[in-house]
N, C-alpha and C. Protein backbone atom coordinates (compact mmCIF):
# COMPACT_ATOMS: atom_id res chain seq x y z
N UNK A 1 -9.76 14.16 16.38
CA UNK A 1 -9.55 12.72 16.59
C UNK A 1 -8.28 12.29 15.87
N UNK A 2 -7.54 11.39 16.49
CA UNK A 2 -6.28 10.93 15.92
C UNK A 2 -6.43 9.53 15.34
N UNK A 3 -5.73 9.28 14.26
CA UNK A 3 -5.67 7.95 13.67
C UNK A 3 -4.21 7.64 13.35
N UNK A 4 -3.77 6.47 13.71
CA UNK A 4 -2.38 6.08 13.49
C UNK A 4 -2.28 5.22 12.24
N UNK A 5 -1.45 5.66 11.31
CA UNK A 5 -1.13 4.85 10.14
C UNK A 5 0.03 3.94 10.54
N UNK A 6 -0.18 2.64 10.47
CA UNK A 6 0.79 1.68 11.02
C UNK A 6 1.98 1.49 10.09
N UNK A 7 2.78 2.53 9.96
CA UNK A 7 3.94 2.48 9.07
C UNK A 7 4.95 3.54 9.50
N UNK A 8 6.24 3.28 9.22
CA UNK A 8 7.28 4.29 9.36
C UNK A 8 7.60 4.94 8.01
N UNK A 9 6.99 4.45 6.95
CA UNK A 9 7.27 4.89 5.59
C UNK A 9 6.65 6.27 5.34
N UNK A 10 7.49 7.30 5.29
CA UNK A 10 6.98 8.67 5.11
C UNK A 10 6.31 8.85 3.75
N UNK A 11 6.78 8.10 2.74
CA UNK A 11 6.14 8.18 1.42
C UNK A 11 4.70 7.70 1.49
N UNK A 12 4.48 6.64 2.24
CA UNK A 12 3.12 6.11 2.40
C UNK A 12 2.26 7.09 3.20
N UNK A 13 2.84 7.71 4.21
CA UNK A 13 2.09 8.67 5.02
C UNK A 13 1.64 9.85 4.16
N UNK A 14 2.53 10.35 3.32
CA UNK A 14 2.17 11.46 2.42
C UNK A 14 1.03 11.03 1.50
N UNK A 15 1.10 9.80 1.01
CA UNK A 15 0.06 9.31 0.12
C UNK A 15 -1.28 9.26 0.85
N UNK A 16 -1.27 8.80 2.09
CA UNK A 16 -2.53 8.76 2.85
C UNK A 16 -3.05 10.15 3.15
N UNK A 17 -2.18 11.10 3.40
CA UNK A 17 -2.64 12.47 3.61
C UNK A 17 -3.38 12.98 2.38
N UNK A 18 -2.84 12.67 1.21
CA UNK A 18 -3.49 13.07 -0.03
C UNK A 18 -4.80 12.33 -0.25
N UNK A 19 -4.85 11.05 0.14
CA UNK A 19 -6.07 10.26 -0.01
C UNK A 19 -7.17 10.79 0.90
N UNK A 20 -6.83 11.11 2.14
CA UNK A 20 -7.82 11.68 3.05
C UNK A 20 -8.34 13.01 2.51
N UNK A 21 -7.44 13.83 2.00
CA UNK A 21 -7.84 15.13 1.46
C UNK A 21 -8.74 14.95 0.25
N UNK A 22 -8.37 14.04 -0.66
CA UNK A 22 -9.16 13.81 -1.87
C UNK A 22 -10.55 13.27 -1.53
N UNK A 23 -10.64 12.50 -0.44
CA UNK A 23 -11.93 11.95 -0.03
C UNK A 23 -12.77 12.95 0.76
N UNK A 24 -12.20 14.12 1.02
CA UNK A 24 -12.93 15.14 1.75
C UNK A 24 -13.12 14.82 3.22
N UNK A 25 -12.21 13.99 3.78
CA UNK A 25 -12.31 13.61 5.18
C UNK A 25 -11.45 14.56 6.01
N UNK A 26 -12.08 15.28 6.89
CA UNK A 26 -11.37 16.19 7.77
C UNK A 26 -11.71 15.84 9.22
N UNK A 27 -11.02 16.47 10.13
CA UNK A 27 -11.29 16.22 11.54
C UNK A 27 -10.49 15.07 12.12
N UNK A 28 -9.61 14.48 11.31
CA UNK A 28 -8.73 13.42 11.78
C UNK A 28 -7.28 13.86 11.66
N UNK A 29 -6.54 13.72 12.73
CA UNK A 29 -5.11 14.01 12.69
C UNK A 29 -4.36 12.72 12.40
N UNK A 30 -3.60 12.70 11.30
CA UNK A 30 -2.87 11.50 10.91
C UNK A 30 -1.52 11.44 11.63
N UNK A 31 -1.30 10.34 12.33
CA UNK A 31 -0.02 10.06 12.97
C UNK A 31 0.56 8.80 12.34
N UNK A 32 1.85 8.57 12.57
CA UNK A 32 2.46 7.33 12.11
C UNK A 32 3.30 6.76 13.23
N UNK A 33 3.83 5.57 13.03
CA UNK A 33 4.59 4.92 14.10
C UNK A 33 5.85 5.70 14.47
N UNK A 34 6.38 6.48 13.53
CA UNK A 34 7.55 7.30 13.84
C UNK A 34 7.25 8.37 14.88
N UNK A 35 5.96 8.67 15.09
CA UNK A 35 5.57 9.65 16.10
C UNK A 35 5.58 9.06 17.51
N UNK A 36 5.88 7.77 17.61
CA UNK A 36 5.91 7.08 18.90
C UNK A 36 7.27 6.41 19.06
N UNK A 37 8.28 7.15 19.53
CA UNK A 37 9.64 6.63 19.63
C UNK A 37 9.71 5.32 20.43
N UNK A 38 10.51 4.41 19.91
CA UNK A 38 10.71 3.14 20.60
C UNK A 38 9.67 2.08 20.31
N UNK A 39 8.69 2.41 19.48
CA UNK A 39 7.63 1.45 19.19
C UNK A 39 8.13 0.28 18.35
N UNK A 40 9.05 0.55 17.44
CA UNK A 40 9.59 -0.52 16.61
C UNK A 40 8.72 -0.82 15.40
N UNK A 41 8.99 -1.97 14.76
CA UNK A 41 8.31 -2.36 13.53
C UNK A 41 7.38 -3.54 13.80
N UNK A 42 6.17 -3.51 13.24
CA UNK A 42 5.30 -4.68 13.36
C UNK A 42 5.82 -5.83 12.52
N UNK A 43 5.57 -7.05 12.96
CA UNK A 43 5.96 -8.23 12.18
C UNK A 43 4.98 -8.43 11.04
N UNK A 44 5.51 -8.86 9.90
CA UNK A 44 4.67 -9.15 8.74
C UNK A 44 4.84 -10.62 8.40
N UNK A 45 4.36 -11.48 9.28
CA UNK A 45 4.56 -12.92 9.14
C UNK A 45 3.36 -13.64 8.54
N UNK A 46 2.33 -12.89 8.14
CA UNK A 46 1.13 -13.49 7.57
C UNK A 46 1.36 -14.05 6.19
N UNK A 47 0.52 -14.98 5.79
CA UNK A 47 0.63 -15.61 4.47
C UNK A 47 -0.18 -14.86 3.41
N UNK A 48 -0.98 -13.89 3.83
CA UNK A 48 -1.81 -13.13 2.89
C UNK A 48 -1.72 -11.64 3.22
N UNK A 49 -2.14 -10.82 2.26
CA UNK A 49 -2.17 -9.37 2.50
C UNK A 49 -3.13 -9.05 3.65
N UNK A 50 -4.28 -9.74 3.70
CA UNK A 50 -5.25 -9.48 4.76
C UNK A 50 -4.66 -9.78 6.13
N UNK A 51 -3.96 -10.90 6.24
CA UNK A 51 -3.37 -11.27 7.53
C UNK A 51 -2.31 -10.27 7.96
N UNK A 52 -1.48 -9.85 7.03
CA UNK A 52 -0.44 -8.88 7.37
C UNK A 52 -1.02 -7.52 7.74
N UNK A 53 -2.08 -7.10 7.03
CA UNK A 53 -2.72 -5.82 7.36
C UNK A 53 -3.26 -5.86 8.79
N UNK A 54 -3.86 -6.99 9.16
CA UNK A 54 -4.39 -7.10 10.52
C UNK A 54 -3.27 -7.12 11.55
N UNK A 55 -2.18 -7.84 11.28
CA UNK A 55 -1.05 -7.87 12.20
C UNK A 55 -0.53 -6.46 12.48
N UNK A 56 -0.42 -5.66 11.43
CA UNK A 56 0.11 -4.31 11.58
C UNK A 56 -0.87 -3.38 12.29
N UNK A 57 -2.16 -3.53 11.96
CA UNK A 57 -3.17 -2.69 12.63
C UNK A 57 -3.25 -3.03 14.11
N UNK A 58 -3.22 -4.33 14.44
CA UNK A 58 -3.25 -4.75 15.84
C UNK A 58 -2.03 -4.24 16.59
N UNK A 59 -0.86 -4.30 15.93
CA UNK A 59 0.38 -3.82 16.54
C UNK A 59 0.26 -2.34 16.89
N UNK A 60 -0.19 -1.54 15.93
CA UNK A 60 -0.31 -0.10 16.16
C UNK A 60 -1.32 0.21 17.25
N UNK A 61 -2.43 -0.52 17.26
CA UNK A 61 -3.45 -0.29 18.28
C UNK A 61 -2.92 -0.62 19.67
N UNK A 62 -2.22 -1.75 19.80
CA UNK A 62 -1.65 -2.12 21.11
C UNK A 62 -0.59 -1.12 21.57
N UNK A 63 0.22 -0.66 20.62
CA UNK A 63 1.34 0.23 20.97
C UNK A 63 0.89 1.64 21.33
N UNK A 64 -0.21 2.09 20.74
CA UNK A 64 -0.62 3.49 20.92
C UNK A 64 -1.97 3.65 21.62
N UNK A 65 -2.80 2.63 21.58
CA UNK A 65 -4.14 2.73 22.14
C UNK A 65 -5.08 3.55 21.30
N UNK A 66 -4.66 3.89 20.08
CA UNK A 66 -5.45 4.76 19.22
C UNK A 66 -6.00 4.01 18.01
N UNK A 67 -7.08 4.53 17.45
CA UNK A 67 -7.62 4.02 16.20
C UNK A 67 -6.47 3.86 15.20
N UNK A 68 -6.37 2.70 14.59
CA UNK A 68 -5.23 2.42 13.72
C UNK A 68 -5.69 1.94 12.35
N UNK A 69 -4.93 2.35 11.36
CA UNK A 69 -5.16 1.92 9.99
C UNK A 69 -3.87 1.36 9.44
N UNK A 70 -3.94 0.16 8.88
CA UNK A 70 -2.76 -0.46 8.30
C UNK A 70 -3.13 -1.03 6.94
N UNK A 71 -2.15 -1.09 6.08
CA UNK A 71 -2.39 -1.80 4.83
C UNK A 71 -1.23 -2.73 4.54
N UNK A 72 -1.52 -3.74 3.80
CA UNK A 72 -0.47 -4.58 3.24
C UNK A 72 -0.74 -4.65 1.76
N UNK A 73 0.29 -4.45 0.99
CA UNK A 73 0.10 -4.41 -0.44
C UNK A 73 1.33 -4.97 -1.12
N UNK A 74 1.15 -5.31 -2.37
CA UNK A 74 2.28 -5.85 -3.10
C UNK A 74 1.96 -6.05 -4.56
N UNK A 75 2.94 -6.55 -5.24
CA UNK A 75 2.87 -6.76 -6.68
C UNK A 75 2.69 -8.24 -6.97
N UNK A 76 1.74 -8.56 -7.84
CA UNK A 76 1.53 -9.94 -8.27
C UNK A 76 1.79 -10.02 -9.78
N UNK A 77 2.78 -10.78 -10.16
CA UNK A 77 3.16 -10.93 -11.57
C UNK A 77 2.72 -12.31 -12.05
N UNK A 78 1.89 -12.36 -13.06
CA UNK A 78 1.34 -13.64 -13.52
C UNK A 78 2.43 -14.60 -13.96
N UNK A 79 3.42 -14.12 -14.69
CA UNK A 79 4.49 -14.98 -15.20
C UNK A 79 5.26 -15.64 -14.06
N UNK A 80 5.28 -15.00 -12.91
CA UNK A 80 6.01 -15.53 -11.74
C UNK A 80 5.07 -16.23 -10.76
N UNK A 81 3.88 -16.60 -11.23
CA UNK A 81 2.95 -17.32 -10.38
C UNK A 81 2.40 -16.50 -9.24
N UNK A 82 2.32 -15.20 -9.41
CA UNK A 82 1.80 -14.32 -8.37
C UNK A 82 2.87 -13.70 -7.49
N UNK A 83 4.12 -14.10 -7.67
CA UNK A 83 5.23 -13.49 -6.93
C UNK A 83 5.49 -12.08 -7.47
N UNK A 84 6.07 -11.21 -6.65
CA UNK A 84 6.55 -11.41 -5.28
C UNK A 84 5.47 -11.42 -4.19
N UNK A 85 4.24 -10.97 -4.51
CA UNK A 85 3.14 -11.07 -3.56
C UNK A 85 3.43 -10.45 -2.21
N UNK A 86 3.16 -11.22 -1.14
CA UNK A 86 3.36 -10.69 0.21
C UNK A 86 4.83 -10.43 0.52
N UNK A 87 5.71 -10.93 -0.33
CA UNK A 87 7.15 -10.72 -0.12
C UNK A 87 7.68 -9.53 -0.94
N UNK A 88 6.79 -8.70 -1.47
CA UNK A 88 7.20 -7.63 -2.37
C UNK A 88 8.25 -6.70 -1.77
N UNK A 89 8.08 -6.30 -0.51
CA UNK A 89 8.99 -5.32 0.09
C UNK A 89 10.39 -5.87 0.28
N UNK A 90 10.50 -7.20 0.45
CA UNK A 90 11.80 -7.83 0.72
C UNK A 90 12.15 -8.85 -0.36
N UNK A 91 11.70 -8.60 -1.57
CA UNK A 91 11.87 -9.54 -2.68
C UNK A 91 13.34 -9.86 -2.92
N UNK A 92 14.20 -8.89 -2.78
CA UNK A 92 15.64 -9.08 -3.00
C UNK A 92 16.39 -9.34 -1.70
N UNK A 93 15.67 -9.57 -0.60
CA UNK A 93 16.31 -9.85 0.68
C UNK A 93 16.38 -8.64 1.58
N UNK A 94 17.00 -8.85 2.73
CA UNK A 94 17.17 -7.78 3.72
C UNK A 94 18.47 -7.02 3.47
N UNK A 95 18.54 -5.72 3.80
CA UNK A 95 17.40 -4.89 4.19
C UNK A 95 16.52 -4.55 2.99
N UNK A 96 15.32 -4.04 3.26
CA UNK A 96 14.42 -3.66 2.17
C UNK A 96 15.09 -2.62 1.28
N UNK A 97 14.99 -2.81 -0.02
CA UNK A 97 15.62 -1.86 -0.95
C UNK A 97 14.85 -1.87 -2.27
N UNK A 98 14.22 -0.75 -2.59
CA UNK A 98 13.40 -0.67 -3.81
C UNK A 98 14.21 -0.94 -5.07
N UNK A 99 15.40 -0.36 -5.15
CA UNK A 99 16.20 -0.51 -6.37
C UNK A 99 16.59 -1.97 -6.60
N UNK A 100 16.99 -2.66 -5.54
CA UNK A 100 17.37 -4.07 -5.69
C UNK A 100 16.16 -4.93 -6.02
N UNK A 101 15.01 -4.62 -5.44
CA UNK A 101 13.79 -5.35 -5.78
C UNK A 101 13.46 -5.21 -7.27
N UNK A 102 13.56 -3.99 -7.76
CA UNK A 102 13.27 -3.75 -9.17
C UNK A 102 14.27 -4.45 -10.08
N UNK A 103 15.53 -4.43 -9.70
CA UNK A 103 16.55 -5.11 -10.50
C UNK A 103 16.30 -6.62 -10.56
N UNK A 104 15.91 -7.21 -9.43
CA UNK A 104 15.63 -8.64 -9.40
C UNK A 104 14.43 -8.97 -10.28
N UNK A 105 13.40 -8.15 -10.21
CA UNK A 105 12.21 -8.38 -11.02
C UNK A 105 12.53 -8.32 -12.51
N UNK A 106 13.28 -7.32 -12.91
CA UNK A 106 13.66 -7.20 -14.32
C UNK A 106 14.50 -8.39 -14.76
N UNK A 107 15.39 -8.86 -13.90
CA UNK A 107 16.23 -10.01 -14.24
C UNK A 107 15.39 -11.26 -14.45
N UNK A 108 14.38 -11.46 -13.60
CA UNK A 108 13.52 -12.64 -13.72
C UNK A 108 12.63 -12.59 -14.97
N UNK A 109 12.38 -11.38 -15.46
CA UNK A 109 11.51 -11.21 -16.64
C UNK A 109 12.31 -10.93 -17.91
N UNK A 110 13.63 -11.08 -17.84
CA UNK A 110 14.45 -10.81 -19.01
C UNK A 110 14.03 -11.72 -20.17
N UNK A 111 13.74 -11.11 -21.31
CA UNK A 111 13.35 -11.86 -22.50
C UNK A 111 11.88 -12.22 -22.56
N UNK A 112 11.11 -11.91 -21.52
CA UNK A 112 9.68 -12.22 -21.50
C UNK A 112 8.94 -11.12 -22.26
N UNK A 113 8.13 -11.46 -23.26
CA UNK A 113 7.45 -10.43 -24.07
C UNK A 113 6.33 -9.75 -23.30
N UNK A 114 5.95 -8.60 -23.78
CA UNK A 114 4.94 -7.78 -23.11
C UNK A 114 3.64 -8.53 -22.78
N UNK A 115 3.07 -9.34 -23.70
CA UNK A 115 1.80 -10.01 -23.37
C UNK A 115 1.89 -10.94 -22.17
N UNK A 116 3.09 -11.36 -21.80
CA UNK A 116 3.25 -12.29 -20.68
C UNK A 116 3.74 -11.59 -19.41
N UNK A 117 3.72 -10.26 -19.43
CA UNK A 117 4.22 -9.49 -18.28
C UNK A 117 3.06 -8.87 -17.47
N UNK A 118 1.87 -9.45 -17.62
CA UNK A 118 0.71 -8.92 -16.89
C UNK A 118 0.94 -8.99 -15.39
N UNK A 119 0.45 -7.96 -14.70
CA UNK A 119 0.67 -7.87 -13.26
C UNK A 119 -0.41 -6.99 -12.65
N UNK A 120 -0.47 -7.03 -11.34
CA UNK A 120 -1.40 -6.14 -10.64
C UNK A 120 -0.82 -5.76 -9.28
N UNK A 121 -1.15 -4.58 -8.86
CA UNK A 121 -0.91 -4.17 -7.48
C UNK A 121 -2.18 -4.51 -6.69
N UNK A 122 -2.01 -5.12 -5.53
CA UNK A 122 -3.15 -5.43 -4.67
C UNK A 122 -2.91 -4.82 -3.28
N UNK A 123 -3.96 -4.31 -2.68
CA UNK A 123 -3.86 -3.69 -1.36
C UNK A 123 -5.04 -4.11 -0.50
N UNK A 124 -4.76 -4.46 0.74
CA UNK A 124 -5.82 -4.69 1.73
C UNK A 124 -5.57 -3.74 2.89
N UNK A 125 -6.59 -2.97 3.24
CA UNK A 125 -6.55 -2.06 4.38
C UNK A 125 -7.31 -2.69 5.54
N UNK A 126 -6.72 -2.60 6.73
CA UNK A 126 -7.42 -3.03 7.95
C UNK A 126 -7.53 -1.82 8.87
N UNK A 127 -8.73 -1.57 9.36
CA UNK A 127 -8.96 -0.52 10.34
C UNK A 127 -9.33 -1.19 11.65
N UNK A 128 -8.57 -0.87 12.71
CA UNK A 128 -8.79 -1.45 14.02
C UNK A 128 -9.19 -0.36 15.00
N UNK A 129 -10.34 -0.52 15.62
CA UNK A 129 -10.84 0.44 16.60
C UNK A 129 -10.49 -0.01 18.02
N UNK A 130 -10.30 0.95 18.93
CA UNK A 130 -10.03 0.59 20.32
C UNK A 130 -11.10 -0.31 20.93
N UNK A 131 -12.31 -0.27 20.38
CA UNK A 131 -13.40 -1.11 20.88
C UNK A 131 -13.19 -2.59 20.55
N UNK A 132 -12.25 -2.86 19.65
CA UNK A 132 -12.01 -4.24 19.21
C UNK A 132 -12.59 -4.53 17.84
N UNK A 133 -13.39 -3.63 17.34
CA UNK A 133 -13.97 -3.82 16.00
C UNK A 133 -12.90 -3.67 14.93
N UNK A 134 -12.99 -4.50 13.88
CA UNK A 134 -12.06 -4.42 12.74
C UNK A 134 -12.84 -4.51 11.44
N UNK A 135 -12.31 -3.86 10.43
CA UNK A 135 -12.89 -3.95 9.09
C UNK A 135 -11.76 -4.00 8.06
N UNK A 136 -12.01 -4.69 6.95
CA UNK A 136 -11.02 -4.83 5.89
C UNK A 136 -11.59 -4.31 4.57
N UNK A 137 -10.72 -3.75 3.74
CA UNK A 137 -11.12 -3.20 2.45
C UNK A 137 -10.03 -3.51 1.43
N UNK A 138 -10.42 -3.93 0.22
CA UNK A 138 -9.43 -4.38 -0.77
C UNK A 138 -9.55 -3.59 -2.07
N UNK A 139 -8.40 -3.37 -2.72
CA UNK A 139 -8.38 -2.71 -4.01
C UNK A 139 -7.27 -3.26 -4.89
N UNK A 140 -7.49 -3.25 -6.21
CA UNK A 140 -6.49 -3.75 -7.17
C UNK A 140 -6.32 -2.75 -8.31
N UNK A 141 -5.16 -2.78 -8.91
CA UNK A 141 -4.88 -1.99 -10.11
C UNK A 141 -4.14 -2.89 -11.09
N UNK A 142 -4.72 -3.08 -12.27
CA UNK A 142 -4.15 -3.98 -13.28
C UNK A 142 -3.18 -3.25 -14.20
N UNK A 143 -2.15 -3.95 -14.65
CA UNK A 143 -1.19 -3.37 -15.58
C UNK A 143 -0.21 -4.42 -16.06
N UNK A 144 0.98 -3.98 -16.39
CA UNK A 144 2.04 -4.92 -16.78
C UNK A 144 3.39 -4.33 -16.39
N UNK A 145 4.41 -5.19 -16.38
CA UNK A 145 5.74 -4.77 -15.99
C UNK A 145 6.51 -4.28 -17.22
N UNK A 146 7.01 -3.06 -17.12
CA UNK A 146 7.78 -2.48 -18.22
C UNK A 146 9.16 -3.11 -18.32
N UNK A 147 9.94 -2.62 -19.27
CA UNK A 147 11.25 -3.19 -19.55
C UNK A 147 12.40 -2.41 -18.92
N UNK A 148 12.08 -1.24 -18.38
CA UNK A 148 13.08 -0.44 -17.67
C UNK A 148 12.36 0.57 -16.80
N UNK A 149 13.01 1.03 -15.73
CA UNK A 149 12.36 2.00 -14.83
C UNK A 149 12.11 3.33 -15.53
N UNK A 150 10.93 3.93 -15.25
CA UNK A 150 10.60 5.25 -15.80
C UNK A 150 9.84 6.04 -14.75
N UNK A 151 10.19 7.31 -14.62
CA UNK A 151 9.46 8.20 -13.73
C UNK A 151 10.12 8.38 -12.37
N UNK A 152 9.70 9.45 -11.68
CA UNK A 152 10.35 9.82 -10.42
C UNK A 152 9.36 9.99 -9.27
N UNK A 153 8.07 9.73 -9.50
CA UNK A 153 7.10 9.82 -8.42
C UNK A 153 6.98 8.46 -7.73
N UNK A 154 6.32 8.45 -6.58
CA UNK A 154 6.01 7.20 -5.92
C UNK A 154 7.21 6.50 -5.33
N UNK A 155 7.06 5.19 -5.11
CA UNK A 155 8.11 4.40 -4.48
C UNK A 155 7.86 2.94 -4.85
N UNK A 156 8.71 2.06 -4.34
CA UNK A 156 8.53 0.63 -4.60
C UNK A 156 8.67 0.28 -6.08
N UNK A 157 7.70 -0.46 -6.60
CA UNK A 157 7.74 -0.92 -7.99
C UNK A 157 7.10 0.08 -8.97
N UNK A 158 6.74 1.25 -8.47
CA UNK A 158 6.05 2.23 -9.32
C UNK A 158 6.79 2.53 -10.63
N UNK A 159 8.14 2.60 -10.65
CA UNK A 159 8.82 2.91 -11.92
C UNK A 159 8.72 1.81 -12.98
N UNK A 160 8.31 0.60 -12.58
CA UNK A 160 8.21 -0.51 -13.53
C UNK A 160 6.78 -0.86 -13.90
N UNK A 161 5.82 -0.43 -13.10
CA UNK A 161 4.43 -0.85 -13.30
C UNK A 161 3.73 0.09 -14.27
N UNK A 162 3.39 -0.43 -15.44
CA UNK A 162 2.76 0.38 -16.49
C UNK A 162 1.25 0.26 -16.40
N UNK A 163 0.56 1.39 -16.38
CA UNK A 163 -0.90 1.44 -16.39
C UNK A 163 -1.34 1.64 -17.84
N UNK A 164 -1.91 0.61 -18.49
CA UNK A 164 -2.22 0.69 -19.92
C UNK A 164 -3.05 1.90 -20.33
N UNK A 165 -4.02 2.26 -19.50
CA UNK A 165 -4.90 3.39 -19.85
C UNK A 165 -4.12 4.67 -20.09
N UNK A 166 -3.03 4.85 -19.34
CA UNK A 166 -2.25 6.08 -19.45
C UNK A 166 -0.95 5.89 -20.22
N UNK A 167 -0.63 4.62 -20.56
CA UNK A 167 0.64 4.31 -21.24
C UNK A 167 1.82 4.91 -20.48
N UNK A 168 1.73 4.84 -19.18
CA UNK A 168 2.76 5.43 -18.31
C UNK A 168 2.91 4.54 -17.08
N UNK A 169 4.09 4.61 -16.48
CA UNK A 169 4.28 3.89 -15.23
C UNK A 169 3.63 4.69 -14.09
N UNK A 170 3.41 4.00 -12.97
CA UNK A 170 2.88 4.69 -11.81
C UNK A 170 3.78 5.85 -11.40
N UNK A 171 5.09 5.69 -11.59
CA UNK A 171 6.04 6.72 -11.20
C UNK A 171 6.02 7.91 -12.15
N UNK A 172 5.42 7.76 -13.32
CA UNK A 172 5.30 8.88 -14.26
C UNK A 172 3.99 9.65 -14.06
N UNK A 173 3.03 9.05 -13.38
CA UNK A 173 1.75 9.71 -13.19
C UNK A 173 1.82 10.77 -12.09
N UNK A 174 1.17 11.91 -12.28
CA UNK A 174 1.10 12.89 -11.20
C UNK A 174 0.41 12.26 -9.99
N UNK A 175 0.80 12.66 -8.78
CA UNK A 175 0.18 12.08 -7.58
C UNK A 175 -1.34 12.16 -7.58
N UNK A 176 -1.91 13.23 -8.12
CA UNK A 176 -3.37 13.36 -8.10
C UNK A 176 -4.04 12.30 -8.96
N UNK A 177 -3.35 11.84 -10.02
CA UNK A 177 -3.89 10.76 -10.85
C UNK A 177 -3.69 9.42 -10.16
N UNK A 178 -2.48 9.18 -9.67
CA UNK A 178 -2.20 7.92 -8.97
C UNK A 178 -3.17 7.73 -7.82
N UNK A 179 -3.49 8.78 -7.10
CA UNK A 179 -4.35 8.67 -5.93
C UNK A 179 -5.82 8.50 -6.27
N UNK A 180 -6.13 8.41 -7.57
CA UNK A 180 -7.47 8.03 -8.00
C UNK A 180 -7.53 6.57 -8.43
N UNK A 181 -6.43 6.06 -8.99
CA UNK A 181 -6.49 4.77 -9.67
C UNK A 181 -5.66 3.66 -9.02
N UNK A 182 -4.81 4.00 -8.06
CA UNK A 182 -3.93 2.99 -7.49
C UNK A 182 -4.72 1.97 -6.66
N UNK A 183 -4.07 0.84 -6.39
CA UNK A 183 -4.66 -0.20 -5.55
C UNK A 183 -4.97 0.35 -4.16
N UNK A 184 -4.08 1.16 -3.61
CA UNK A 184 -4.30 1.73 -2.28
C UNK A 184 -5.46 2.73 -2.32
N UNK A 185 -5.53 3.51 -3.40
CA UNK A 185 -6.62 4.48 -3.54
C UNK A 185 -7.96 3.77 -3.62
N UNK A 186 -8.01 2.66 -4.37
CA UNK A 186 -9.28 1.95 -4.51
C UNK A 186 -9.70 1.28 -3.21
N UNK A 187 -8.74 0.74 -2.47
CA UNK A 187 -9.07 0.18 -1.16
C UNK A 187 -9.54 1.29 -0.22
N UNK A 188 -8.87 2.44 -0.28
CA UNK A 188 -9.21 3.54 0.61
C UNK A 188 -10.58 4.13 0.28
N UNK A 189 -10.95 4.13 -1.00
CA UNK A 189 -12.27 4.66 -1.38
C UNK A 189 -13.37 3.88 -0.67
N UNK A 190 -13.17 2.56 -0.51
CA UNK A 190 -14.14 1.76 0.23
C UNK A 190 -14.06 2.06 1.72
N UNK A 191 -12.83 2.20 2.23
CA UNK A 191 -12.64 2.46 3.65
C UNK A 191 -13.17 3.84 4.05
N UNK A 192 -13.14 4.79 3.14
CA UNK A 192 -13.53 6.16 3.46
C UNK A 192 -14.98 6.23 3.92
N UNK A 193 -15.85 5.47 3.27
CA UNK A 193 -17.25 5.48 3.67
C UNK A 193 -17.43 4.97 5.09
N UNK A 194 -16.68 3.94 5.45
CA UNK A 194 -16.74 3.40 6.81
C UNK A 194 -16.21 4.42 7.82
N UNK A 195 -15.10 5.08 7.48
CA UNK A 195 -14.54 6.07 8.38
C UNK A 195 -15.51 7.23 8.62
N UNK A 196 -16.15 7.68 7.55
CA UNK A 196 -17.12 8.79 7.71
C UNK A 196 -18.27 8.38 8.63
N UNK A 197 -18.80 7.19 8.40
CA UNK A 197 -19.99 6.77 9.13
C UNK A 197 -19.67 6.33 10.56
N UNK A 198 -18.67 5.47 10.70
CA UNK A 198 -18.41 4.84 11.99
C UNK A 198 -17.56 5.69 12.91
N UNK A 199 -16.56 6.34 12.33
CA UNK A 199 -15.57 7.05 13.16
C UNK A 199 -15.91 8.52 13.33
N UNK A 200 -16.16 9.19 12.21
CA UNK A 200 -16.37 10.63 12.29
C UNK A 200 -17.75 10.99 12.82
N UNK A 201 -18.79 10.33 12.27
CA UNK A 201 -20.15 10.63 12.72
C UNK A 201 -20.51 9.84 13.97
N UNK A 202 -19.77 8.74 14.24
CA UNK A 202 -20.01 7.96 15.45
C UNK A 202 -21.25 7.10 15.40
N UNK A 203 -21.73 6.79 14.17
CA UNK A 203 -22.93 5.96 14.06
C UNK A 203 -22.58 4.50 13.83
């Protein structure tokens, strides 16, 4: 059985492959939008992570006719009133650029002490079935924003997001650790049970 991950981001696809493996889910072939030439990019015009996840899942389902999984995720910084939030990927403007996003975030937090740099990664997963059924799953990971980028794993804001338990940024953590504790991992842990029951076993 095939499932389409509604993204062109190869880093995200690799992460999902690891998440499926860690959850012990087999029998599903993971595809992404890049496997369907000419499909283009889904619009992310929603005001919430849930709305954007649904927009992307619906887009992938319409474009491919296959079971689709999409997520929308981002960084919420308390000092910035929850920003960048749903605008995380394009925080520094178009085109999307991780380095520029990180530079803008550090500039906005210049001089802000550690206790006021609390932040969280939030992720909402939407699974859309060809039958029209949809389900949503949410996960969060709490931490704070560091003072400079550290680490070479991951993508996005991972080099700045410090996980207190490990005293390391997400980008410093081995993938096997990140894929247990990240916002996407926690959302997927909830989604995995649904996939096993509804999709794989067909109940």
